[in-house]
Amino acid sequence: MKKLKVRKIGNSLGVVLPKELLAELEVGEGDELVATRAQDGILVGSRSKKFERTMEIAEKFMKKYRNTLRELAK
């Protein structure tokens, strides 16, 4: 677990990630990270091509079966 300090960056707030964490995430300047709410906190990870493709497939599936999913949710 790494402690990160929230800092003022221009008119915003942000955190600076240590180089060890950047290497572990395999990200660099300009790359995108994904923050996901989890039961016990927030998970942060890198966006991979596999993740992007999986999300595209999921979105197409949800659009195609929108009505079925709505009925199942009742």
N, C-alpha and C. Protein backbone atom coordinates (compact mmCIF):
# COMPACT_ATOMS: atom_id res chain seq x y z
N MET A 1 0.84 -1.17 0.00
CA MET A 1 0.00 0.00 0.00
C MET A 1 0.89 1.23 0.00
N LYS A 2 0.56 2.19 -0.85
CA LYS A 2 1.31 3.44 -0.93
C LYS A 2 0.43 4.58 -0.45
N LYS A 3 0.99 5.48 0.36
CA LYS A 3 0.27 6.68 0.77
C LYS A 3 0.53 7.74 -0.28
N LEU A 4 -0.53 8.36 -0.76
CA LEU A 4 -0.42 9.43 -1.74
C LEU A 4 -1.03 10.69 -1.13
N LYS A 5 -0.36 11.81 -1.33
CA LYS A 5 -0.83 13.06 -0.78
C LYS A 5 -1.56 13.86 -1.86
N VAL A 6 -2.74 14.39 -1.53
CA VAL A 6 -3.50 15.23 -2.45
C VAL A 6 -2.87 16.62 -2.42
N ARG A 7 -2.58 17.14 -3.63
CA ARG A 7 -1.92 18.45 -3.74
C ARG A 7 -2.67 19.34 -4.71
N LYS A 8 -2.48 20.60 -4.57
CA LYS A 8 -3.06 21.57 -5.50
C LYS A 8 -2.18 21.59 -6.75
N ILE A 9 -2.82 21.40 -7.90
CA ILE A 9 -2.12 21.44 -9.19
C ILE A 9 -2.89 22.42 -10.06
N GLY A 10 -2.39 23.63 -10.17
CA GLY A 10 -3.13 24.67 -10.88
C GLY A 10 -4.40 24.99 -10.11
N ASN A 11 -5.56 24.95 -10.78
CA ASN A 11 -6.83 25.19 -10.13
C ASN A 11 -7.50 23.89 -9.68
N SER A 12 -6.80 22.78 -9.79
CA SER A 12 -7.36 21.47 -9.47
C SER A 12 -6.60 20.84 -8.31
N LEU A 13 -7.05 19.66 -7.93
CA LEU A 13 -6.34 18.85 -6.96
C LEU A 13 -5.91 17.56 -7.65
N GLY A 14 -4.80 16.99 -7.22
CA GLY A 14 -4.32 15.77 -7.83
C GLY A 14 -3.34 15.05 -6.92
N VAL A 15 -2.91 13.90 -7.37
CA VAL A 15 -1.88 13.15 -6.64
C VAL A 15 -0.73 12.88 -7.59
N VAL A 16 0.46 12.82 -7.04
CA VAL A 16 1.65 12.49 -7.82
C VAL A 16 1.97 11.03 -7.52
N LEU A 17 2.07 10.23 -8.57
CA LEU A 17 2.37 8.81 -8.41
C LEU A 17 3.87 8.58 -8.45
N PRO A 18 4.40 7.86 -7.47
CA PRO A 18 5.84 7.57 -7.47
C PRO A 18 6.23 6.72 -8.68
N LYS A 19 7.48 6.85 -9.10
CA LYS A 19 7.92 6.14 -10.31
C LYS A 19 7.80 4.63 -10.17
N GLU A 20 7.94 4.10 -8.95
CA GLU A 20 7.79 2.65 -8.75
C GLU A 20 6.37 2.20 -9.07
N LEU A 21 5.38 3.02 -8.65
CA LEU A 21 3.98 2.70 -8.92
C LEU A 21 3.67 2.84 -10.41
N LEU A 22 4.22 3.85 -11.05
CA LEU A 22 4.04 4.03 -12.50
C LEU A 22 4.60 2.83 -13.26
N ALA A 23 5.76 2.36 -12.82
CA ALA A 23 6.36 1.19 -13.47
C ALA A 23 5.50 -0.05 -13.26
N GLU A 24 4.95 -0.20 -12.07
CA GLU A 24 4.09 -1.35 -11.78
C GLU A 24 2.81 -1.32 -12.60
N LEU A 25 2.26 -0.11 -12.81
CA LEU A 25 1.05 0.05 -13.62
C LEU A 25 1.36 0.04 -15.12
N GLU A 26 2.64 0.15 -15.45
CA GLU A 26 3.10 0.22 -16.84
C GLU A 26 2.45 1.39 -17.58
N VAL A 27 2.50 2.57 -16.95
CA VAL A 27 1.96 3.79 -17.54
C VAL A 27 2.99 4.90 -17.49
N GLY A 28 2.78 5.88 -18.35
CA GLY A 28 3.66 7.04 -18.40
C GLY A 28 2.84 8.28 -18.70
N GLU A 29 3.52 9.37 -18.93
CA GLU A 29 2.86 10.64 -19.20
C GLU A 29 1.91 10.51 -20.39
N GLY A 30 0.68 10.99 -20.21
CA GLY A 30 -0.32 10.97 -21.28
C GLY A 30 -1.19 9.72 -21.29
N ASP A 31 -0.79 8.67 -20.59
CA ASP A 31 -1.62 7.46 -20.52
C ASP A 31 -2.83 7.71 -19.63
N GLU A 32 -3.88 6.91 -19.82
CA GLU A 32 -5.09 7.04 -19.02
C GLU A 32 -5.15 5.95 -17.96
N LEU A 33 -5.68 6.32 -16.81
CA LEU A 33 -5.93 5.37 -15.73
C LEU A 33 -7.44 5.27 -15.53
N VAL A 34 -7.87 4.14 -14.98
CA VAL A 34 -9.28 3.93 -14.69
C VAL A 34 -9.43 3.81 -13.17
N ALA A 35 -10.36 4.58 -12.60
CA ALA A 35 -10.67 4.47 -11.18
C ALA A 35 -12.04 3.82 -11.06
N THR A 36 -12.10 2.73 -10.30
CA THR A 36 -13.33 1.97 -10.15
C THR A 36 -13.67 1.87 -8.67
N ARG A 37 -14.94 2.17 -8.36
CA ARG A 37 -15.38 2.06 -6.97
C ARG A 37 -15.52 0.59 -6.62
N ALA A 38 -14.92 0.20 -5.52
CA ALA A 38 -14.99 -1.18 -5.04
C ALA A 38 -15.65 -1.17 -3.66
N GLN A 39 -16.00 -2.34 -3.17
CA GLN A 39 -16.68 -2.43 -1.88
C GLN A 39 -15.86 -1.82 -0.75
N ASP A 40 -14.56 -1.98 -0.81
CA ASP A 40 -13.71 -1.49 0.27
C ASP A 40 -12.84 -0.30 -0.11
N GLY A 41 -13.19 0.41 -1.19
CA GLY A 41 -12.42 1.59 -1.57
C GLY A 41 -12.46 1.83 -3.07
N ILE A 42 -11.38 2.38 -3.60
CA ILE A 42 -11.25 2.69 -5.01
C ILE A 42 -10.08 1.91 -5.58
N LEU A 43 -10.30 1.28 -6.73
CA LEU A 43 -9.23 0.57 -7.43
C LEU A 43 -8.77 1.44 -8.59
N VAL A 44 -7.48 1.56 -8.77
CA VAL A 44 -6.91 2.34 -9.87
C VAL A 44 -6.07 1.40 -10.72
N GLY A 45 -6.28 1.45 -12.02
CA GLY A 45 -5.52 0.60 -12.92
C GLY A 45 -5.33 1.27 -14.27
N SER A 46 -4.53 0.66 -15.09
CA SER A 46 -4.28 1.22 -16.42
C SER A 46 -5.30 0.68 -17.40
N ARG A 47 -5.54 1.43 -18.45
CA ARG A 47 -6.46 1.01 -19.49
C ARG A 47 -5.65 0.26 -20.53
N SER A 48 -5.98 -0.97 -20.73
CA SER A 48 -5.26 -1.77 -21.72
C SER A 48 -6.12 -1.94 -22.96
N LYS A 49 -5.51 -2.34 -24.06
CA LYS A 49 -6.26 -2.59 -25.29
C LYS A 49 -7.27 -3.70 -25.08
N LYS A 50 -6.91 -4.69 -24.27
CA LYS A 50 -7.83 -5.79 -23.98
C LYS A 50 -9.05 -5.26 -23.22
N PHE A 51 -8.82 -4.38 -22.26
CA PHE A 51 -9.93 -3.79 -21.50
C PHE A 51 -10.83 -2.99 -22.44
N GLU A 52 -10.24 -2.18 -23.29
CA GLU A 52 -11.03 -1.37 -24.23
C GLU A 52 -11.89 -2.25 -25.13
N ARG A 53 -11.32 -3.32 -25.65
CA ARG A 53 -12.05 -4.23 -26.52
C ARG A 53 -13.18 -4.93 -25.76
N THR A 54 -12.90 -5.34 -24.54
CA THR A 54 -13.92 -5.98 -23.71
C THR A 54 -15.09 -5.02 -23.47
N MET A 55 -14.79 -3.75 -23.20
CA MET A 55 -15.85 -2.76 -22.97
C MET A 55 -16.66 -2.52 -24.24
N GLU A 56 -16.02 -2.49 -25.40
CA GLU A 56 -16.74 -2.33 -26.67
C GLU A 56 -17.73 -3.47 -26.86
N ILE A 57 -17.29 -4.69 -26.62
CA ILE A 57 -18.15 -5.87 -26.77
C ILE A 57 -19.31 -5.80 -25.78
N ALA A 58 -19.03 -5.43 -24.54
CA ALA A 58 -20.08 -5.33 -23.52
C ALA A 58 -21.12 -4.27 -23.89
N GLU A 59 -20.66 -3.13 -24.39
CA GLU A 59 -21.59 -2.07 -24.78
C GLU A 59 -22.48 -2.50 -25.94
N LYS A 60 -21.92 -3.19 -26.93
CA LYS A 60 -22.72 -3.69 -28.05
C LYS A 60 -23.75 -4.70 -27.56
N PHE A 61 -23.35 -5.60 -26.67
CA PHE A 61 -24.24 -6.61 -26.12
C PHE A 61 -25.39 -5.94 -25.36
N MET A 62 -25.06 -4.96 -24.51
CA MET A 62 -26.09 -4.29 -23.71
C MET A 62 -27.06 -3.51 -24.60
N LYS A 63 -26.56 -2.92 -25.67
CA LYS A 63 -27.43 -2.19 -26.58
C LYS A 63 -28.36 -3.16 -27.32
N LYS A 64 -27.82 -4.28 -27.79
CA LYS A 64 -28.60 -5.25 -28.55
C LYS A 64 -29.67 -5.90 -27.68
N TYR A 65 -29.33 -6.22 -26.43
CA TYR A 65 -30.26 -6.92 -25.54
C TYR A 65 -30.81 -6.01 -24.45
N ARG A 66 -30.95 -4.74 -24.77
CA ARG A 66 -31.42 -3.72 -23.82
C ARG A 66 -32.74 -4.13 -23.17
N ASN A 67 -33.73 -4.53 -23.99
CA ASN A 67 -35.05 -4.87 -23.45
C ASN A 67 -35.00 -6.13 -22.59
N THR A 68 -34.23 -7.11 -23.01
CA THR A 68 -34.10 -8.35 -22.24
C THR A 68 -33.46 -8.04 -20.88
N LEU A 69 -32.41 -7.26 -20.87
CA LEU A 69 -31.74 -6.91 -19.63
C LEU A 69 -32.66 -6.12 -18.70
N ARG A 70 -33.49 -5.25 -19.28
CA ARG A 70 -34.45 -4.46 -18.50
C ARG A 70 -35.44 -5.40 -17.81
N GLU A 71 -35.93 -6.40 -18.55
CA GLU A 71 -36.89 -7.36 -17.98
C GLU A 71 -36.24 -8.20 -16.89
N LEU A 72 -35.02 -8.62 -17.11
CA LEU A 72 -34.32 -9.44 -16.11
C LEU A 72 -34.05 -8.64 -14.82
N ALA A 73 -33.93 -7.34 -14.93
CA ALA A 73 -33.63 -6.50 -13.78
C ALA A 73 -34.84 -6.30 -12.87
N LYS A 74 -36.04 -6.64 -13.35
CA LYS A 74 -37.26 -6.45 -12.54
C LYS A 74 -37.33 -7.41 -11.39
